[in-house]
Amino acid sequence: MARGGFRGGAPNMNNMMKQVRKMQEQMEKAQEEIQEKEFTSSSGGGVVEATVNGKKEIVKIKINPDVVDPEDVEMLEDLIMAAINDAMANANKYNEDTMGKLTGGINIPGLM
């Protein structure tokens, strides 16, 4: 009886391993797509715009020249930080949402 149960379990294990490999391939593809995607955010009503990629690298900063005031560099720094932080948050949320769909909401360490 135990033997019959074992034989019946082997195909299930093979199917499970196939599903795991398929999920792993889907996750790798999704990670590649995420890394190529760009996320742009602005602050100060569009005065400063920051773009980051899915690797969380800053790829572009755009500043409206009309707001560059040598007397108030601190405000410009704050606007840049706000735009970058928001763009990063958008990238993180997209990453979590995309990978969460594949993992069924299970948090896998090192994946996100």
PDB file of N, CA and C in Angstrom:
ATOM      1  N   MET A   1       0.827  -1.190   0.000  1.00  0.00           N
ATOM      2  CA  MET A   1       0.000   0.000   0.000  1.00  0.00           C
ATOM      3  C   MET A   1       0.871   1.253   0.000  1.00  0.00           C
ATOM      4  N   ALA A   2       1.918   1.217   0.789  1.00  0.00           N
ATOM      5  CA  ALA A   2       2.820   2.359   0.834  1.00  0.00           C
ATOM      6  C   ALA A   2       3.484   2.579  -0.506  1.00  0.00           C
ATOM      7  N   ARG A   3       3.772   1.460  -1.179  1.00  0.00           N
ATOM      8  CA  ARG A   3       4.405   1.582  -2.498  1.00  0.00           C
ATOM      9  C   ARG A   3       3.492   2.283  -3.489  1.00  0.00           C
ATOM     10  N   GLY A   4       2.238   1.914  -3.495  1.00  0.00           N
ATOM     11  CA  GLY A   4       1.278   2.513  -4.415  1.00  0.00           C
ATOM     12  C   GLY A   4       1.154   4.012  -4.173  1.00  0.00           C
ATOM     13  N   GLY A   5       1.176   4.406  -2.894  1.00  0.00           N
ATOM     14  CA  GLY A   5       1.106   5.816  -2.561  1.00  0.00           C
ATOM     15  C   GLY A   5       2.322   6.561  -3.062  1.00  0.00           C
ATOM     16  N   PHE A   6       3.477   5.921  -3.001  1.00  0.00           N
ATOM     17  CA  PHE A   6       4.710   6.557  -3.461  1.00  0.00           C
ATOM     18  C   PHE A   6       4.680   6.784  -4.961  1.00  0.00           C
ATOM     19  N   ARG A   7       4.267   5.731  -5.683  1.00  0.00           N
ATOM     20  CA  ARG A   7       4.208   5.869  -7.143  1.00  0.00           C
ATOM     21  C   ARG A   7       3.212   6.955  -7.544  1.00  0.00           C
ATOM     22  N   GLY A   8       2.122   7.024  -6.821  1.00  0.00           N
ATOM     23  CA  GLY A   8       1.118   8.036  -7.125  1.00  0.00           C
ATOM     24  C   GLY A   8       1.625   9.444  -6.813  1.00  0.00           C
ATOM     25  N   GLY A   9       2.571   9.553  -5.882  1.00  0.00           N
ATOM     26  CA  GLY A   9       3.092  10.860  -5.489  1.00  0.00           C
ATOM     27  C   GLY A   9       4.168  11.380  -6.417  1.00  0.00           C
ATOM     28  N   ALA A  10       4.888  10.495  -7.092  1.00  0.00           N
ATOM     29  CA  ALA A  10       6.002  10.921  -7.950  1.00  0.00           C
ATOM     30  C   ALA A  10       5.550  11.845  -9.085  1.00  0.00           C
ATOM     31  N   PRO A  11       4.505  11.488  -9.818  1.00  0.00           N
ATOM     32  CA  PRO A  11       4.070  12.409 -10.877  1.00  0.00           C
ATOM     33  C   PRO A  11       3.654  13.770 -10.325  1.00  0.00           C
ATOM     34  N   ASN A  12       3.050  13.773  -9.127  1.00  0.00           N
ATOM     35  CA  ASN A  12       2.657  15.044  -8.524  1.00  0.00           C
ATOM     36  C   ASN A  12       3.887  15.890  -8.220  1.00  0.00           C
ATOM     37  N   MET A  13       4.954  15.243  -7.768  1.00  0.00           N
ATOM     38  CA  MET A  13       6.205  15.956  -7.486  1.00  0.00           C
ATOM     39  C   MET A  13       6.789  16.506  -8.784  1.00  0.00           C
ATOM     40  N   ASN A  14       6.730  15.721  -9.845  1.00  0.00           N
ATOM     41  CA  ASN A  14       7.231  16.199 -11.145  1.00  0.00           C
ATOM     42  C   ASN A  14       6.427  17.398 -11.628  1.00  0.00           C
ATOM     43  N   ASN A  15       5.116  17.316 -11.475  1.00  0.00           N
ATOM     44  CA  ASN A  15       4.262  18.441 -11.875  1.00  0.00           C
ATOM     45  C   ASN A  15       4.570  19.674 -11.048  1.00  0.00           C
ATOM     46  N   MET A  16       4.768  19.463  -9.754  1.00  0.00           N
ATOM     47  CA  MET A  16       5.074  20.588  -8.881  1.00  0.00           C
ATOM     48  C   MET A  16       6.411  21.226  -9.280  1.00  0.00           C
ATOM     49  N   MET A  17       7.408  20.414  -9.585  1.00  0.00           N
ATOM     50  CA  MET A  17       8.719  20.938  -9.989  1.00  0.00           C
ATOM     51  C   MET A  17       8.604  21.704 -11.315  1.00  0.00           C
ATOM     52  N   LYS A  18       7.784  21.207 -12.227  1.00  0.00           N
ATOM     53  CA  LYS A  18       7.563  21.915 -13.489  1.00  0.00           C
ATOM     54  C   LYS A  18       6.926  23.277 -13.229  1.00  0.00           C
ATOM     55  N   GLN A  19       5.967  23.302 -12.314  1.00  0.00           N
ATOM     56  CA  GLN A  19       5.302  24.560 -11.978  1.00  0.00           C
ATOM     57  C   GLN A  19       6.279  25.533 -11.325  1.00  0.00           C
ATOM     58  N   VAL A  20       7.148  25.011 -10.463  1.00  0.00           N
ATOM     59  CA  VAL A  20       8.147  25.862  -9.810  1.00  0.00           C
ATOM     60  C   VAL A  20       9.098  26.441 -10.847  1.00  0.00           C
ATOM     61  N   ARG A  21       9.561  25.617 -11.784  1.00  0.00           N
ATOM     62  CA  ARG A  21      10.465  26.106 -12.842  1.00  0.00           C
ATOM     63  C   ARG A  21       9.770  27.163 -13.708  1.00  0.00           C
ATOM     64  N   LYS A  22       8.505  26.905 -14.029  1.00  0.00           N
ATOM     65  CA  LYS A  22       7.749  27.866 -14.845  1.00  0.00           C
ATOM     66  C   LYS A  22       7.603  29.193 -14.099  1.00  0.00           C
ATOM     67  N   MET A  23       7.285  29.107 -12.806  1.00  0.00           N
ATOM     68  CA  MET A  23       7.134  30.319 -12.004  1.00  0.00           C
ATOM     69  C   MET A  23       8.467  31.061 -11.923  1.00  0.00           C
ATOM     70  N   GLN A  24       9.556  30.326 -11.773  1.00  0.00           N
ATOM     71  CA  GLN A  24      10.878  30.943 -11.695  1.00  0.00           C
ATOM     72  C   GLN A  24      11.202  31.674 -13.001  1.00  0.00           C
ATOM     73  N   GLU A  25      10.886  31.055 -14.133  1.00  0.00           N
ATOM     74  CA  GLU A  25      11.120  31.695 -15.428  1.00  0.00           C
ATOM     75  C   GLU A  25      10.281  32.962 -15.559  1.00  0.00           C
ATOM     76  N   GLN A  26       9.027  32.898 -15.133  1.00  0.00           N
ATOM     77  CA  GLN A  26       8.153  34.069 -15.201  1.00  0.00           C
ATOM     78  C   GLN A  26       8.683  35.195 -14.318  1.00  0.00           C
ATOM     79  N   MET A  27       9.179  34.824 -13.148  1.00  0.00           N
ATOM     80  CA  MET A  27       9.705  35.829 -12.228  1.00  0.00           C
ATOM     81  C   MET A  27      10.975  36.470 -12.790  1.00  0.00           C
ATOM     82  N   GLU A  28      11.838  35.682 -13.396  1.00  0.00           N
ATOM     83  CA  GLU A  28      13.059  36.224 -13.996  1.00  0.00           C
ATOM     84  C   GLU A  28      12.711  37.184 -15.131  1.00  0.00           C
ATOM     85  N   LYS A  29      11.736  36.796 -15.947  1.00  0.00           N
ATOM     86  CA  LYS A  29      11.307  37.662 -17.048  1.00  0.00           C
ATOM     87  C   LYS A  29      10.719  38.962 -16.509  1.00  0.00           C
ATOM     88  N   ALA A  30       9.895  38.849 -15.475  1.00  0.00           N
ATOM     89  CA  ALA A  30       9.280  40.041 -14.874  1.00  0.00           C
ATOM     90  C   ALA A  30      10.348  40.947 -14.286  1.00  0.00           C
ATOM     91  N   GLN A  31      11.354  40.373 -13.628  1.00  0.00           N
ATOM     92  CA  GLN A  31      12.430  41.187 -13.057  1.00  0.00           C
ATOM     93  C   GLN A  31      13.190  41.931 -14.144  1.00  0.00           C
ATOM     94  N   GLU A  32      13.447  41.262 -15.269  1.00  0.00           N
ATOM     95  CA  GLU A  32      14.130  41.926 -16.382  1.00  0.00           C
ATOM     96  C   GLU A  32      13.289  43.090 -16.904  1.00  0.00           C
ATOM     97  N   GLU A  33      11.987  42.863 -17.052  1.00  0.00           N
ATOM     98  CA  GLU A  33      11.096  43.918 -17.541  1.00  0.00           C
ATOM     99  C   GLU A  33      11.048  45.083 -16.555  1.00  0.00           C
ATOM    100  N   ILE A  34      11.013  44.766 -15.265  1.00  0.00           N
ATOM    101  CA  ILE A  34      10.976  45.813 -14.237  1.00  0.00           C
ATOM    102  C   ILE A  34      12.233  46.668 -14.313  1.00  0.00           C
ATOM    103  N   GLN A  35      13.386  46.021 -14.474  1.00  0.00           N
ATOM    104  CA  GLN A  35      14.649  46.755 -14.501  1.00  0.00           C
ATOM    105  C   GLN A  35      14.730  47.704 -15.690  1.00  0.00           C
ATOM    106  N   GLU A  36      14.073  47.366 -16.784  1.00  0.00           N
ATOM    107  CA  GLU A  36      14.099  48.218 -17.977  1.00  0.00           C
ATOM    108  C   GLU A  36      13.072  49.351 -17.913  1.00  0.00           C
ATOM    109  N   LYS A  37      12.065  49.202 -17.085  1.00  0.00           N
ATOM    110  CA  LYS A  37      10.993  50.198 -17.001  1.00  0.00           C
ATOM    111  C   LYS A  37      11.502  51.471 -16.317  1.00  0.00           C
ATOM    112  N   GLU A  38      10.950  52.613 -16.718  1.00  0.00           N
ATOM    113  CA  GLU A  38      11.313  53.891 -16.103  1.00  0.00           C
ATOM    114  C   GLU A  38      10.104  54.496 -15.406  1.00  0.00           C
ATOM    115  N   PHE A  39      10.383  55.192 -14.294  1.00  0.00           N
ATOM    116  CA  PHE A  39       9.342  55.803 -13.479  1.00  0.00           C
ATOM    117  C   PHE A  39       9.705  57.269 -13.295  1.00  0.00           C
ATOM    118  N   THR A  40       8.787  58.150 -13.658  1.00  0.00           N
ATOM    119  CA  THR A  40       9.037  59.581 -13.586  1.00  0.00           C
ATOM    120  C   THR A  40       8.062  60.211 -12.607  1.00  0.00           C
ATOM    121  N   SER A  41       8.578  61.138 -11.824  1.00  0.00           N
ATOM    122  CA  SER A  41       7.742  61.868 -10.881  1.00  0.00           C
ATOM    123  C   SER A  41       8.219  63.312 -10.855  1.00  0.00           C
ATOM    124  N   SER A  42       7.330  64.200 -10.451  1.00  0.00           N
ATOM    125  CA  SER A  42       7.706  65.612 -10.399  1.00  0.00           C
ATOM    126  C   SER A  42       7.319  66.196  -9.048  1.00  0.00           C
ATOM    127  N   SER A  43       7.901  67.341  -8.750  1.00  0.00           N
ATOM    128  CA  SER A  43       7.556  68.057  -7.526  1.00  0.00           C
ATOM    129  C   SER A  43       7.507  69.540  -7.843  1.00  0.00           C
ATOM    130  N   GLY A  44       6.919  70.284  -6.930  1.00  0.00           N
ATOM    131  CA  GLY A  44       6.825  71.726  -7.136  1.00  0.00           C
ATOM    132  C   GLY A  44       5.968  72.086  -8.324  1.00  0.00           C
ATOM    133  N   GLY A  45       4.932  71.293  -8.575  1.00  0.00           N
ATOM    134  CA  GLY A  45       4.050  71.576  -9.702  1.00  0.00           C
ATOM    135  C   GLY A  45       4.728  71.371 -11.054  1.00  0.00           C
ATOM    136  N   GLY A  46       5.667  70.440 -11.114  1.00  0.00           N
ATOM    137  CA  GLY A  46       6.345  70.141 -12.371  1.00  0.00           C
ATOM    138  C   GLY A  46       7.647  70.894 -12.545  1.00  0.00           C
ATOM    139  N   VAL A  47       8.070  71.622 -11.533  1.00  0.00           N
ATOM    140  CA  VAL A  47       9.298  72.410 -11.598  1.00  0.00           C
ATOM    141  C   VAL A  47      10.524  71.498 -11.680  1.00  0.00           C
ATOM    142  N   VAL A  48      10.485  70.391 -10.928  1.00  0.00           N
ATOM    143  CA  VAL A  48      11.564  69.417 -10.933  1.00  0.00           C
ATOM    144  C   VAL A  48      10.972  68.071 -11.304  1.00  0.00           C
ATOM    145  N   GLU A  49      11.640  67.377 -12.203  1.00  0.00           N
ATOM    146  CA  GLU A  49      11.183  66.062 -12.637  1.00  0.00           C
ATOM    147  C   GLU A  49      12.349  65.087 -12.517  1.00  0.00           C
ATOM    148  N   ALA A  50      12.080  63.922 -11.926  1.00  0.00           N
ATOM    149  CA  ALA A  50      13.107  62.896 -11.767  1.00  0.00           C
ATOM    150  C   ALA A  50      12.622  61.601 -12.389  1.00  0.00           C
ATOM    151  N   THR A  51      13.532  60.907 -13.057  1.00  0.00           N
ATOM    152  CA  THR A  51      13.224  59.618 -13.655  1.00  0.00           C
ATOM    153  C   THR A  51      14.208  58.588 -13.115  1.00  0.00           C
ATOM    154  N   VAL A  52      13.664  57.473 -12.636  1.00  0.00           N
ATOM    155  CA  VAL A  52      14.494  56.359 -12.178  1.00  0.00           C
ATOM    156  C   VAL A  52      14.089  55.120 -12.958  1.00  0.00           C
ATOM    157  N   ASN A  53      14.995  54.156 -13.017  1.00  0.00           N
ATOM    158  CA  ASN A  53      14.638  52.901 -13.669  1.00  0.00           C
ATOM    159  C   ASN A  53      14.315  51.847 -12.618  1.00  0.00           C
ATOM    160  N   GLY A  54      13.941  50.684 -13.067  1.00  0.00           N
ATOM    161  CA  GLY A  54      13.576  49.606 -12.161  1.00  0.00           C
ATOM    162  C   GLY A  54      14.740  49.082 -11.342  1.00  0.00           C
ATOM    163  N   LYS A  55      15.950  49.446 -11.719  1.00  0.00           N
ATOM    164  CA  LYS A  55      17.137  49.084 -10.932  1.00  0.00           C
ATOM    165  C   LYS A  55      17.361  50.094  -9.819  1.00  0.00           C
ATOM    166  N   LYS A  56      16.463  51.074  -9.750  1.00  0.00           N
ATOM    167  CA  LYS A  56      16.514  52.154  -8.764  1.00  0.00           C
ATOM    168  C   LYS A  56      17.731  53.052  -8.975  1.00  0.00           C
ATOM    169  N   GLU A  57      18.026  53.275 -10.248  1.00  0.00           N
ATOM    170  CA  GLU A  57      19.080  54.204 -10.631  1.00  0.00           C
ATOM    171  C   GLU A  57      18.429  55.464 -11.189  1.00  0.00           C
ATOM    172  N   ILE A  58      18.964  56.613 -10.839  1.00  0.00           N
ATOM    173  CA  ILE A  58      18.461  57.869 -11.390  1.00  0.00           C
ATOM    174  C   ILE A  58      18.969  57.965 -12.827  1.00  0.00           C
ATOM    175  N   VAL A  59      18.052  58.111 -13.771  1.00  0.00           N
ATOM    176  CA  VAL A  59      18.457  58.186 -15.168  1.00  0.00           C
ATOM    177  C   VAL A  59      18.279  59.582 -15.765  1.00  0.00           C
ATOM    178  N   LYS A  60      17.494  60.437 -15.063  1.00  0.00           N
ATOM    179  CA  LYS A  60      17.280  61.775 -15.611  1.00  0.00           C
ATOM    180  C   LYS A  60      16.758  62.708 -14.522  1.00  0.00           C
ATOM    181  N   ILE A  61      17.274  63.920 -14.528  1.00  0.00           N
ATOM    182  CA  ILE A  61      16.762  64.998 -13.673  1.00  0.00           C
ATOM    183  C   ILE A  61      16.495  66.178 -14.596  1.00  0.00           C
ATOM    184  N   LYS A  62      15.303  66.728 -14.506  1.00  0.00           N
ATOM    185  CA  LYS A  62      14.945  67.892 -15.316  1.00  0.00           C
ATOM    186  C   LYS A  62      14.518  69.007 -14.373  1.00  0.00           C
ATOM    187  N   ILE A  63      15.133  70.171 -14.532  1.00  0.00           N
ATOM    188  CA  ILE A  63      14.829  71.316 -13.667  1.00  0.00           C
ATOM    189  C   ILE A  63      14.437  72.498 -14.545  1.00  0.00           C
ATOM    190  N   ASN A  64      13.313  73.102 -14.226  1.00  0.00           N
ATOM    191  CA  ASN A  64      12.878  74.297 -14.939  1.00  0.00           C
ATOM    192  C   ASN A  64      13.853  75.423 -14.581  1.00  0.00           C
ATOM    193  N   PRO A  65      14.548  75.986 -15.565  1.00  0.00           N
ATOM    194  CA  PRO A  65      15.547  77.020 -15.281  1.00  0.00           C
ATOM    195  C   PRO A  65      14.984  78.253 -14.581  1.00  0.00           C
ATOM    196  N   ASP A  66      13.691  78.485 -14.726  1.00  0.00           N
ATOM    197  CA  ASP A  66      13.080  79.661 -14.098  1.00  0.00           C
ATOM    198  C   ASP A  66      13.104  79.595 -12.579  1.00  0.00           C
ATOM    199  N   VAL A  67      13.249  78.400 -12.003  1.00  0.00           N
ATOM    200  CA  VAL A  67      13.216  78.278 -10.551  1.00  0.00           C
ATOM    201  C   VAL A  67      14.600  78.211  -9.920  1.00  0.00           C
ATOM    202  N   VAL A  68      15.621  78.267 -10.728  1.00  0.00           N
ATOM    203  CA  VAL A  68      16.973  78.210 -10.178  1.00  0.00           C
ATOM    204  C   VAL A  68      17.304  79.578  -9.585  1.00  0.00           C
ATOM    205  N   ASP A  69      17.266  79.622  -8.257  1.00  0.00           N
ATOM    206  CA  ASP A  69      17.528  80.850  -7.522  1.00  0.00           C
ATOM    207  C   ASP A  69      18.763  80.625  -6.656  1.00  0.00           C
ATOM    208  N   PRO A  70      19.876  81.283  -6.989  1.00  0.00           N
ATOM    209  CA  PRO A  70      21.097  81.083  -6.194  1.00  0.00           C
ATOM    210  C   PRO A  70      20.912  81.425  -4.718  1.00  0.00           C
ATOM    211  N   GLU A  71      19.905  82.215  -4.412  1.00  0.00           N
ATOM    212  CA  GLU A  71      19.648  82.601  -3.027  1.00  0.00           C
ATOM    213  C   GLU A  71      18.847  81.536  -2.266  1.00  0.00           C
ATOM    214  N   ASP A  72      18.255  80.582  -2.998  1.00  0.00           N
ATOM    215  CA  ASP A  72      17.418  79.569  -2.347  1.00  0.00           C
ATOM    216  C   ASP A  72      17.711  78.178  -2.910  1.00  0.00           C
ATOM    217  N   VAL A  73      18.948  77.770  -2.816  1.00  0.00           N
ATOM    218  CA  VAL A  73      19.362  76.455  -3.298  1.00  0.00           C
ATOM    219  C   VAL A  73      18.686  75.350  -2.486  1.00  0.00           C
ATOM    220  N   GLU A  74      18.438  75.614  -1.218  1.00  0.00           N
ATOM    221  CA  GLU A  74      17.826  74.608  -0.341  1.00  0.00           C
ATOM    222  C   GLU A  74      16.454  74.179  -0.852  1.00  0.00           C
ATOM    223  N   MET A  75      15.658  75.126  -1.357  1.00  0.00           N
ATOM    224  CA  MET A  75      14.348  74.777  -1.895  1.00  0.00           C
ATOM    225  C   MET A  75      14.507  73.856  -3.105  1.00  0.00           C
ATOM    226  N   LEU A  76      15.444  74.156  -3.967  1.00  0.00           N
ATOM    227  CA  LEU A  76      15.673  73.334  -5.148  1.00  0.00           C
ATOM    228  C   LEU A  76      16.122  71.926  -4.739  1.00  0.00           C
ATOM    229  N   GLU A  77      16.979  71.835  -3.755  1.00  0.00           N
ATOM    230  CA  GLU A  77      17.424  70.534  -3.256  1.00  0.00           C
ATOM    231  C   GLU A  77      16.241  69.729  -2.715  1.00  0.00           C
ATOM    232  N   ASP A  78      15.357  70.389  -1.986  1.00  0.00           N
ATOM    233  CA  ASP A  78      14.174  69.717  -1.443  1.00  0.00           C
ATOM    234  C   ASP A  78      13.262  69.214  -2.560  1.00  0.00           C
ATOM    235  N   LEU A  79      13.092  70.030  -3.591  1.00  0.00           N
ATOM    236  CA  LEU A  79      12.247  69.620  -4.722  1.00  0.00           C
ATOM    237  C   LEU A  79      12.851  68.418  -5.442  1.00  0.00           C
ATOM    238  N   ILE A  80      14.161  68.426  -5.607  1.00  0.00           N
ATOM    239  CA  ILE A  80      14.840  67.302  -6.271  1.00  0.00           C
ATOM    240  C   ILE A  80      14.665  66.030  -5.439  1.00  0.00           C
ATOM    241  N   MET A  81      14.893  66.143  -4.133  1.00  0.00           N
ATOM    242  CA  MET A  81      14.739  64.987  -3.254  1.00  0.00           C
ATOM    243  C   MET A  81      13.315  64.446  -3.299  1.00  0.00           C
ATOM    244  N   ALA A  82      12.344  65.333  -3.259  1.00  0.00           N
ATOM    245  CA  ALA A  82      10.942  64.905  -3.272  1.00  0.00           C
ATOM    246  C   ALA A  82      10.609  64.170  -4.573  1.00  0.00           C
ATOM    247  N   ALA A  83      11.070  64.698  -5.691  1.00  0.00           N
ATOM    248  CA  ALA A  83      10.789  64.060  -6.979  1.00  0.00           C
ATOM    249  C   ALA A  83      11.456  62.687  -7.066  1.00  0.00           C
ATOM    250  N   ILE A  84      12.699  62.597  -6.619  1.00  0.00           N
ATOM    251  CA  ILE A  84      13.414  61.313  -6.664  1.00  0.00           C
ATOM    252  C   ILE A  84      12.751  60.299  -5.736  1.00  0.00           C
ATOM    253  N   ASN A  85      12.446  60.710  -4.523  1.00  0.00           N
ATOM    254  CA  ASN A  85      11.830  59.781  -3.569  1.00  0.00           C
ATOM    255  C   ASN A  85      10.486  59.270  -4.081  1.00  0.00           C
ATOM    256  N   ASP A  86       9.697  60.134  -4.702  1.00  0.00           N
ATOM    257  CA  ASP A  86       8.412  59.709  -5.232  1.00  0.00           C
ATOM    258  C   ASP A  86       8.593  58.748  -6.407  1.00  0.00           C
ATOM    259  N   ALA A  87       9.548  59.031  -7.279  1.00  0.00           N
ATOM    260  CA  ALA A  87       9.814  58.139  -8.405  1.00  0.00           C
ATOM    261  C   ALA A  87      10.280  56.774  -7.899  1.00  0.00           C
ATOM    262  N   MET A  88      11.122  56.757  -6.876  1.00  0.00           N
ATOM    263  CA  MET A  88      11.588  55.500  -6.280  1.00  0.00           C
ATOM    264  C   MET A  88      10.417  54.731  -5.664  1.00  0.00           C
ATOM    265  N   ALA A  89       9.535  55.439  -4.979  1.00  0.00           N
ATOM    266  CA  ALA A  89       8.366  54.798  -4.377  1.00  0.00           C
ATOM    267  C   ALA A  89       7.484  54.174  -5.459  1.00  0.00           C
ATOM    268  N   ASN A  90       7.325  54.876  -6.580  1.00  0.00           N
ATOM    269  CA  ASN A  90       6.553  54.331  -7.695  1.00  0.00           C
ATOM    270  C   ASN A  90       7.208  53.069  -8.245  1.00  0.00           C
ATOM    271  N   ALA A  91       8.540  53.076  -8.373  1.00  0.00           N
ATOM    272  CA  ALA A  91       9.266  51.907  -8.858  1.00  0.00           C
ATOM    273  C   ALA A  91       9.096  50.736  -7.893  1.00  0.00           C
ATOM    274  N   ASN A  92       9.206  51.014  -6.593  1.00  0.00           N
ATOM    275  CA  ASN A  92       9.046  49.957  -5.586  1.00  0.00           C
ATOM    276  C   ASN A  92       7.642  49.360  -5.621  1.00  0.00           C
ATOM    277  N   LYS A  93       6.637  50.216  -5.716  1.00  0.00           N
ATOM    278  CA  LYS A  93       5.255  49.731  -5.739  1.00  0.00           C
ATOM    279  C   LYS A  93       5.010  48.872  -6.976  1.00  0.00           C
ATOM    280  N   TYR A  94       5.505  49.321  -8.120  1.00  0.00           N
ATOM    281  CA  TYR A  94       5.333  48.549  -9.356  1.00  0.00           C
ATOM    282  C   TYR A  94       6.008  47.187  -9.207  1.00  0.00           C
ATOM    283  N   ASN A  95       7.213  47.179  -8.651  1.00  0.00           N
ATOM    284  CA  ASN A  95       7.955  45.940  -8.442  1.00  0.00           C
ATOM    285  C   ASN A  95       7.166  44.996  -7.533  1.00  0.00           C
ATOM    286  N   GLU A  96       6.690  45.509  -6.404  1.00  0.00           N
ATOM    287  CA  GLU A  96       5.933  44.682  -5.461  1.00  0.00           C
ATOM    288  C   GLU A  96       4.646  44.159  -6.085  1.00  0.00           C
ATOM    289  N   ASP A  97       3.937  45.016  -6.807  1.00  0.00           N
ATOM    290  CA  ASP A  97       2.686  44.601  -7.444  1.00  0.00           C
ATOM    291  C   ASP A  97       2.926  43.528  -8.502  1.00  0.00           C
ATOM    292  N   THR A  98       3.948  43.750  -9.333  1.00  0.00           N
ATOM    293  CA  THR A  98       4.246  42.814 -10.419  1.00  0.00           C
ATOM    294  C   THR A  98       4.690  41.461  -9.876  1.00  0.00           C
ATOM    295  N   MET A  99       5.615  41.472  -8.943  1.00  0.00           N
ATOM    296  CA  MET A  99       6.115  40.212  -8.396  1.00  0.00           C
ATOM    297  C   MET A  99       5.063  39.553  -7.506  1.00  0.00           C
ATOM    298  N   GLY A 100       4.246  40.362  -6.841  1.00  0.00           N
ATOM    299  CA  GLY A 100       3.184  39.816  -5.995  1.00  0.00           C
ATOM    300  C   GLY A 100       2.169  39.024  -6.792  1.00  0.00           C
ATOM    301  N   LYS A 101       1.907  39.447  -8.020  1.00  0.00           N
ATOM    302  CA  LYS A 101       0.983  38.707  -8.884  1.00  0.00           C
ATOM    303  C   LYS A 101       1.535  37.321  -9.184  1.00  0.00           C
ATOM    304  N   LEU A 102       2.847  37.224  -9.354  1.00  0.00           N
ATOM    305  CA  LEU A 102       3.465  35.943  -9.685  1.00  0.00           C
ATOM    306  C   LEU A 102       3.594  35.031  -8.475  1.00  0.00           C
ATOM    307  N   THR A 103       3.832  35.620  -7.315  1.00  0.00           N
ATOM    308  CA  THR A 103       4.059  34.811  -6.108  1.00  0.00           C
ATOM    309  C   THR A 103       2.790  34.604  -5.298  1.00  0.00           C
ATOM    310  N   GLY A 104       1.703  35.181  -5.749  1.00  0.00           N
ATOM    311  CA  GLY A 104       0.450  35.049  -5.007  1.00  0.00           C
ATOM    312  C   GLY A 104       0.474  35.769  -3.681  1.00  0.00           C
ATOM    313  N   GLY A 105       1.298  36.818  -3.615  1.00  0.00           N
ATOM    314  CA  GLY A 105       1.379  37.622  -2.397  1.00  0.00           C
ATOM    315  C   GLY A 105       2.380  37.110  -1.377  1.00  0.00           C
ATOM    316  N   ILE A 106       3.037  35.982  -1.671  1.00  0.00           N
ATOM    317  CA  ILE A 106       4.034  35.451  -0.749  1.00  0.00           C
ATOM    318  C   ILE A 106       5.288  36.278  -0.884  1.00  0.00           C
ATOM    319  N   ASN A 107       5.818  36.760   0.241  1.00  0.00           N
ATOM    320  CA  ASN A 107       7.037  37.565   0.227  1.00  0.00           C
ATOM    321  C   ASN A 107       8.232  36.634   0.208  1.00  0.00           C
ATOM    322  N   ILE A 108       8.992  36.646  -0.887  1.00  0.00           N
ATOM    323  CA  ILE A 108      10.176  35.811  -1.018  1.00  0.00           C
ATOM    324  C   ILE A 108      11.387  36.706  -0.815  1.00  0.00           C
ATOM    325  N   PRO A 109      12.164  36.486   0.258  1.00  0.00           N
ATOM    326  CA  PRO A 109      13.311  37.339   0.554  1.00  0.00           C
ATOM    327  C   PRO A 109      14.277  37.430  -0.627  1.00  0.00           C
ATOM    328  N   GLY A 110      14.773  38.656  -0.866  1.00  0.00           N
ATOM    329  CA  GLY A 110      15.734  38.878  -1.930  1.00  0.00           C
ATOM    330  C   GLY A 110      15.114  39.051  -3.298  1.00  0.00           C
ATOM    331  N   LEU A 111      13.824  38.877  -3.400  1.00  0.00           N
ATOM    332  CA  LEU A 111      13.162  38.966  -4.696  1.00  0.00           C
ATOM    333  C   LEU A 111      12.790  40.391  -5.031  1.00  0.00           C
ATOM    334  N   MET A 112      12.433  41.183  -4.037  1.00  0.00           N
ATOM    335  CA  MET A 112      11.966  42.529  -4.308  1.00  0.00           C
ATOM    336  C   MET A 112      12.878  43.552  -3.703  1.00  0.00           C
TER     337      MET A 112
END
